[in-house]
């Protein structure tokens, strides 16, 4: 396959887009970790939840 040199990247990565990707990944990770904590908090504060001992 002399006509295709696919090892090198086609375009150089844009540094600003890479930084935005890292920042968005951090925000997504914070959301995934904070949602269960908030649910546990609200369930513990609620008087409606009958199985509070499970938490």
PDB file of N, CA and C in Angstrom:
ATOM      1  N   UNK A   1       0.832  -1.179   0.000  1.00  0.00           N
ATOM      2  CA  UNK A   1       0.000   0.000   0.000  1.00  0.00           C
ATOM      3  C   UNK A   1       0.877   1.242   0.000  1.00  0.00           C
ATOM      4  N   UNK A   2       1.451   1.515  -1.085  1.00  0.00           N
ATOM      5  CA  UNK A   2       2.306   2.689  -1.199  1.00  0.00           C
ATOM      6  C   UNK A   2       1.511   3.977  -1.366  1.00  0.00           C
ATOM      7  N   UNK A   3       0.254   3.875  -1.781  1.00  0.00           N
ATOM      8  CA  UNK A   3      -0.521   5.083  -2.047  1.00  0.00           C
ATOM      9  C   UNK A   3      -1.197   5.647  -0.799  1.00  0.00           C
ATOM     10  N   UNK A   4      -1.230   4.890   0.275  1.00  0.00           N
ATOM     11  CA  UNK A   4      -1.927   5.344   1.484  1.00  0.00           C
ATOM     12  C   UNK A   4      -0.957   5.366   2.656  1.00  0.00           C
ATOM     13  N   UNK A   5      -0.721   6.546   3.167  1.00  0.00           N
ATOM     14  CA  UNK A   5       0.112   6.695   4.355  1.00  0.00           C
ATOM     15  C   UNK A   5      -0.803   7.146   5.488  1.00  0.00           C
ATOM     16  N   UNK A   6      -1.409   6.209   6.179  1.00  0.00           N
ATOM     17  CA  UNK A   6      -2.440   6.519   7.172  1.00  0.00           C
ATOM     18  C   UNK A   6      -1.906   6.559   8.598  1.00  0.00           C
ATOM     19  N   UNK A   7      -0.611   6.428   8.771  1.00  0.00           N
ATOM     20  CA  UNK A   7      -0.061   6.410  10.126  1.00  0.00           C
ATOM     21  C   UNK A   7      -0.065   7.809  10.729  1.00  0.00           C
ATOM     22  N   UNK A   8       0.316   8.817   9.958  1.00  0.00           N
ATOM     23  CA  UNK A   8       0.341  10.185  10.459  1.00  0.00           C
ATOM     24  C   UNK A   8      -1.064  10.770  10.463  1.00  0.00           C
ATOM     25  N   UNK A   9      -1.266  11.731  11.357  1.00  0.00           N
ATOM     26  CA  UNK A   9      -2.575  12.379  11.443  1.00  0.00           C
ATOM     27  C   UNK A   9      -2.809  13.255  10.221  1.00  0.00           C
ATOM     28  N   UNK A  10      -4.042  13.354   9.804  1.00  0.00           N
ATOM     29  CA  UNK A  10      -4.378  14.174   8.641  1.00  0.00           C
ATOM     30  C   UNK A  10      -4.250  15.660   8.961  1.00  0.00           C
ATOM     31  N   UNK A  11      -4.762  16.067  10.124  1.00  0.00           N
ATOM     32  CA  UNK A  11      -4.712  17.453  10.531  1.00  0.00           C
ATOM     33  C   UNK A  11      -4.054  17.533  11.898  1.00  0.00           C
ATOM     34  N   UNK A  12      -3.300  18.581  12.140  1.00  0.00           N
ATOM     35  CA  UNK A  12      -2.741  18.738  13.496  1.00  0.00           C
ATOM     36  C   UNK A  12      -3.864  19.086  14.467  1.00  0.00           C
ATOM     37  N   UNK A  13      -3.803  18.587  15.694  1.00  0.00           N
ATOM     38  CA  UNK A  13      -4.888  18.863  16.650  1.00  0.00           C
ATOM     39  C   UNK A  13      -4.888  20.335  17.055  1.00  0.00           C
ATOM     40  N   UNK A  14      -6.054  20.894  17.141  1.00  0.00           N
ATOM     41  CA  UNK A  14      -6.213  22.270  17.582  1.00  0.00           C
ATOM     42  C   UNK A  14      -6.123  22.284  19.107  1.00  0.00           C
ATOM     43  N   UNK A  15      -5.171  23.013  19.639  1.00  0.00           N
ATOM     44  CA  UNK A  15      -4.920  22.993  21.084  1.00  0.00           C
ATOM     45  C   UNK A  15      -6.103  23.548  21.877  1.00  0.00           C
ATOM     46  N   UNK A  16      -6.775  24.547  21.341  1.00  0.00           N
ATOM     47  CA  UNK A  16      -7.914  25.116  22.050  1.00  0.00           C
ATOM     48  C   UNK A  16      -9.065  24.116  22.129  1.00  0.00           C
ATOM     49  N   UNK A  17      -9.304  23.380  21.058  1.00  0.00           N
ATOM     50  CA  UNK A  17     -10.361  22.372  21.084  1.00  0.00           C
ATOM     51  C   UNK A  17     -10.032  21.236  22.041  1.00  0.00           C
ATOM     52  N   UNK A  18      -8.769  20.888  22.147  1.00  0.00           N
ATOM     53  CA  UNK A  18      -8.361  19.840  23.086  1.00  0.00           C
ATOM     54  C   UNK A  18      -8.593  20.308  24.522  1.00  0.00           C
ATOM     55  N   UNK A  19      -8.293  21.566  24.802  1.00  0.00           N
ATOM     56  CA  UNK A  19      -8.545  22.107  26.143  1.00  0.00           C
ATOM     57  C   UNK A  19     -10.038  22.136  26.455  1.00  0.00           C
ATOM     58  N   UNK A  20     -10.845  22.528  25.463  1.00  0.00           N
ATOM     59  CA  UNK A  20     -12.294  22.525  25.668  1.00  0.00           C
ATOM     60  C   UNK A  20     -12.813  21.114  25.915  1.00  0.00           C
ATOM     61  N   UNK A  21     -12.225  20.144  25.259  1.00  0.00           N
ATOM     62  CA  UNK A  21     -12.639  18.751  25.457  1.00  0.00           C
ATOM     63  C   UNK A  21     -12.329  18.296  26.886  1.00  0.00           C
ATOM     64  N   UNK A  22     -11.139  18.652  27.390  1.00  0.00           N
ATOM     65  CA  UNK A  22     -10.787  18.291  28.762  1.00  0.00           C
ATOM     66  C   UNK A  22     -11.708  18.977  29.769  1.00  0.00           C
ATOM     67  N   UNK A  23     -12.009  20.252  29.530  1.00  0.00           N
ATOM     68  CA  UNK A  23     -12.881  20.985  30.445  1.00  0.00           C
ATOM     69  C   UNK A  23     -14.283  20.378  30.454  1.00  0.00           C
ATOM     70  N   UNK A  24     -14.791  20.040  29.281  1.00  0.00           N
ATOM     71  CA  UNK A  24     -16.127  19.441  29.235  1.00  0.00           C
ATOM     72  C   UNK A  24     -16.136  18.058  29.880  1.00  0.00           C
ATOM     73  N   UNK A  25     -15.050  17.302  29.739  1.00  0.00           N
ATOM     74  CA  UNK A  25     -14.967  15.999  30.405  1.00  0.00           C
ATOM     75  C   UNK A  25     -14.984  16.149  31.924  1.00  0.00           C
ATOM     76  N   UNK A  26     -14.335  17.181  32.433  1.00  0.00           N
ATOM     77  CA  UNK A  26     -14.333  17.421  33.879  1.00  0.00           C
ATOM     78  C   UNK A  26     -15.739  17.763  34.362  1.00  0.00           C
ATOM     79  N   UNK A  27     -16.449  18.607  33.618  1.00  0.00           N
ATOM     80  CA  UNK A  27     -17.815  18.962  34.010  1.00  0.00           C
ATOM     81  C   UNK A  27     -18.751  17.761  33.947  1.00  0.00           C
ATOM     82  N   UNK A  28     -18.581  16.917  32.958  1.00  0.00           N
ATOM     83  CA  UNK A  28     -19.412  15.711  32.859  1.00  0.00           C
ATOM     84  C   UNK A  28     -19.125  14.773  34.022  1.00  0.00           C
ATOM     85  N   UNK A  29     -17.853  14.625  34.394  1.00  0.00           N
ATOM     86  CA  UNK A  29     -17.498  13.772  35.529  1.00  0.00           C
ATOM     87  C   UNK A  29     -18.079  14.333  36.827  1.00  0.00           C
ATOM     88  N   UNK A  30     -18.023  15.653  36.998  1.00  0.00           N
ATOM     89  CA  UNK A  30     -18.624  16.261  38.190  1.00  0.00           C
ATOM     90  C   UNK A  30     -20.127  16.015  38.242  1.00  0.00           C
ATOM     91  N   UNK A  31     -20.777  16.081  37.107  1.00  0.00           N
ATOM     92  CA  UNK A  31     -22.218  15.824  37.076  1.00  0.00           C
ATOM     93  C   UNK A  31     -22.522  14.376  37.438  1.00  0.00           C
ATOM     94  N   UNK A  32     -21.740  13.443  36.900  1.00  0.00           N
ATOM     95  CA  UNK A  32     -21.996  12.030  37.187  1.00  0.00           C
ATOM     96  C   UNK A  32     -21.764  11.699  38.659  1.00  0.00           C
ATOM     97  N   UNK A  33     -20.828  12.387  39.310  1.00  0.00           N
ATOM     98  CA  UNK A  33     -20.583  12.113  40.723  1.00  0.00           C
ATOM     99  C   UNK A  33     -21.511  12.904  41.637  1.00  0.00           C
ATOM    100  N   UNK A  34     -21.983  14.056  41.207  1.00  0.00           N
ATOM    101  CA  UNK A  34     -22.805  14.872  42.096  1.00  0.00           C
ATOM    102  C   UNK A  34     -24.274  14.461  42.092  1.00  0.00           C
ATOM    103  N   UNK A  35     -24.780  13.925  41.005  1.00  0.00           N
ATOM    104  CA  UNK A  35     -26.198  13.548  40.944  1.00  0.00           C
ATOM    105  C   UNK A  35     -26.546  12.473  41.976  1.00  0.00           C
ATOM    106  N   UNK A  36     -25.788  11.382  42.109  1.00  0.00           N
ATOM    107  CA  UNK A  36     -26.140  10.408  43.158  1.00  0.00           C
ATOM    108  C   UNK A  36     -26.021  10.976  44.573  1.00  0.00           C
ATOM    109  N   UNK A  37     -25.042  11.844  44.794  1.00  0.00           N
ATOM    110  CA  UNK A  37     -24.910  12.454  46.121  1.00  0.00           C
ATOM    111  C   UNK A  37     -26.106  13.344  46.444  1.00  0.00           C
ATOM    112  N   UNK A  38     -26.569  14.096  45.463  1.00  0.00           N
ATOM    113  CA  UNK A  38     -27.741  14.936  45.690  1.00  0.00           C
ATOM    114  C   UNK A  38     -28.994  14.095  45.909  1.00  0.00           C
ATOM    115  N   UNK A  39     -29.132  13.008  45.187  1.00  0.00           N
ATOM    116  CA  UNK A  39     -30.287  12.135  45.391  1.00  0.00           C
ATOM    117  C   UNK A  39     -30.280  11.522  46.789  1.00  0.00           C
ATOM    118  N   UNK A  40     -29.125  11.096  47.242  1.00  0.00           N
ATOM    119  CA  UNK A  40     -29.025  10.548  48.598  1.00  0.00           C
ATOM    120  C   UNK A  40     -29.364  11.617  49.632  1.00  0.00           C
ATOM    121  N   UNK A  41     -28.885  12.837  49.414  1.00  0.00           N
ATOM    122  CA  UNK A  41     -29.176  13.931  50.338  1.00  0.00           C
ATOM    123  C   UNK A  41     -30.674  14.202  50.426  1.00  0.00           C
ATOM    124  N   UNK A  42     -31.335  14.294  49.282  1.00  0.00           N
ATOM    125  CA  UNK A  42     -32.762  14.598  49.292  1.00  0.00           C
ATOM    126  C   UNK A  42     -33.599  13.445  49.827  1.00  0.00           C
ATOM    127  N   UNK A  43     -33.172  12.228  49.612  1.00  0.00           N
ATOM    128  CA  UNK A  43     -33.909  11.086  50.157  1.00  0.00           C
ATOM    129  C   UNK A  43     -33.776  11.057  51.672  1.00  0.00           C
ATOM    130  N   UNK A  44     -32.601  11.372  52.184  1.00  0.00           N
ATOM    131  CA  UNK A  44     -32.419  11.383  53.636  1.00  0.00           C
ATOM    132  C   UNK A  44     -33.209  12.511  54.295  1.00  0.00           C
ATOM    133  N   UNK A  45     -33.356  13.629  53.616  1.00  0.00           N
ATOM    134  CA  UNK A  45     -34.109  14.757  54.175  1.00  0.00           C
ATOM    135  C   UNK A  45     -35.616  14.586  54.013  1.00  0.00           C
ATOM    136  N   UNK A  46     -36.022  13.690  53.147  1.00  0.00           N
ATOM    137  CA  UNK A  46     -37.443  13.513  52.877  1.00  0.00           C
ATOM    138  C   UNK A  46     -38.082  12.636  53.949  1.00  0.00           C
ATOM    139  N   UNK A  47     -39.305  12.964  54.298  1.00  0.00           N
ATOM    140  CA  UNK A  47     -40.042  12.119  55.236  1.00  0.00           C
ATOM    141  C   UNK A  47     -40.922  11.119  54.493  1.00  0.00           C
ATOM    142  N   UNK A  48     -40.979  11.205  53.184  1.00  0.00           N
ATOM    143  CA  UNK A  48     -41.817  10.332  52.376  1.00  0.00           C
ATOM    144  C   UNK A  48     -41.152   8.997  52.079  1.00  0.00           C
ATOM    145  N   UNK A  49     -39.839   8.941  52.043  1.00  0.00           N
ATOM    146  CA  UNK A  49     -39.110   7.736  51.651  1.00  0.00           C
ATOM    147  C   UNK A  49     -39.178   6.706  52.776  1.00  0.00           C
ATOM    148  N   UNK A  50     -39.841   5.554  52.563  1.00  0.00           N
ATOM    149  CA  UNK A  50     -40.056   4.602  53.663  1.00  0.00           C
ATOM    150  C   UNK A  50     -38.830   3.745  53.996  1.00  0.00           C
ATOM    151  N   UNK A  51     -37.888   3.613  53.100  1.00  0.00           N
ATOM    152  CA  UNK A  51     -36.741   2.720  53.323  1.00  0.00           C
ATOM    153  C   UNK A  51     -35.465   3.527  53.541  1.00  0.00           C
ATOM    154  N   UNK A  52     -35.492   4.420  54.488  1.00  0.00           N
ATOM    155  CA  UNK A  52     -34.341   5.270  54.758  1.00  0.00           C
ATOM    156  C   UNK A  52     -33.160   4.460  55.310  1.00  0.00           C
ATOM    157  N   UNK A  53     -33.419   3.355  55.951  1.00  0.00           N
ATOM    158  CA  UNK A  53     -32.366   2.521  56.537  1.00  0.00           C
ATOM    159  C   UNK A  53     -31.505   1.853  55.474  1.00  0.00           C
ATOM    160  N   UNK A  54     -31.986   1.785  54.232  1.00  0.00           N
ATOM    161  CA  UNK A  54     -31.208   1.166  53.152  1.00  0.00           C
ATOM    162  C   UNK A  54     -29.983   2.014  52.830  1.00  0.00           C
ATOM    163  N   UNK A  55     -30.127   3.318  52.936  1.00  0.00           N
ATOM    164  CA  UNK A  55     -29.016   4.206  52.625  1.00  0.00           C
ATOM    165  C   UNK A  55     -28.058   4.251  53.775  1.00  0.00           C
TER     166      UNK A  55
END
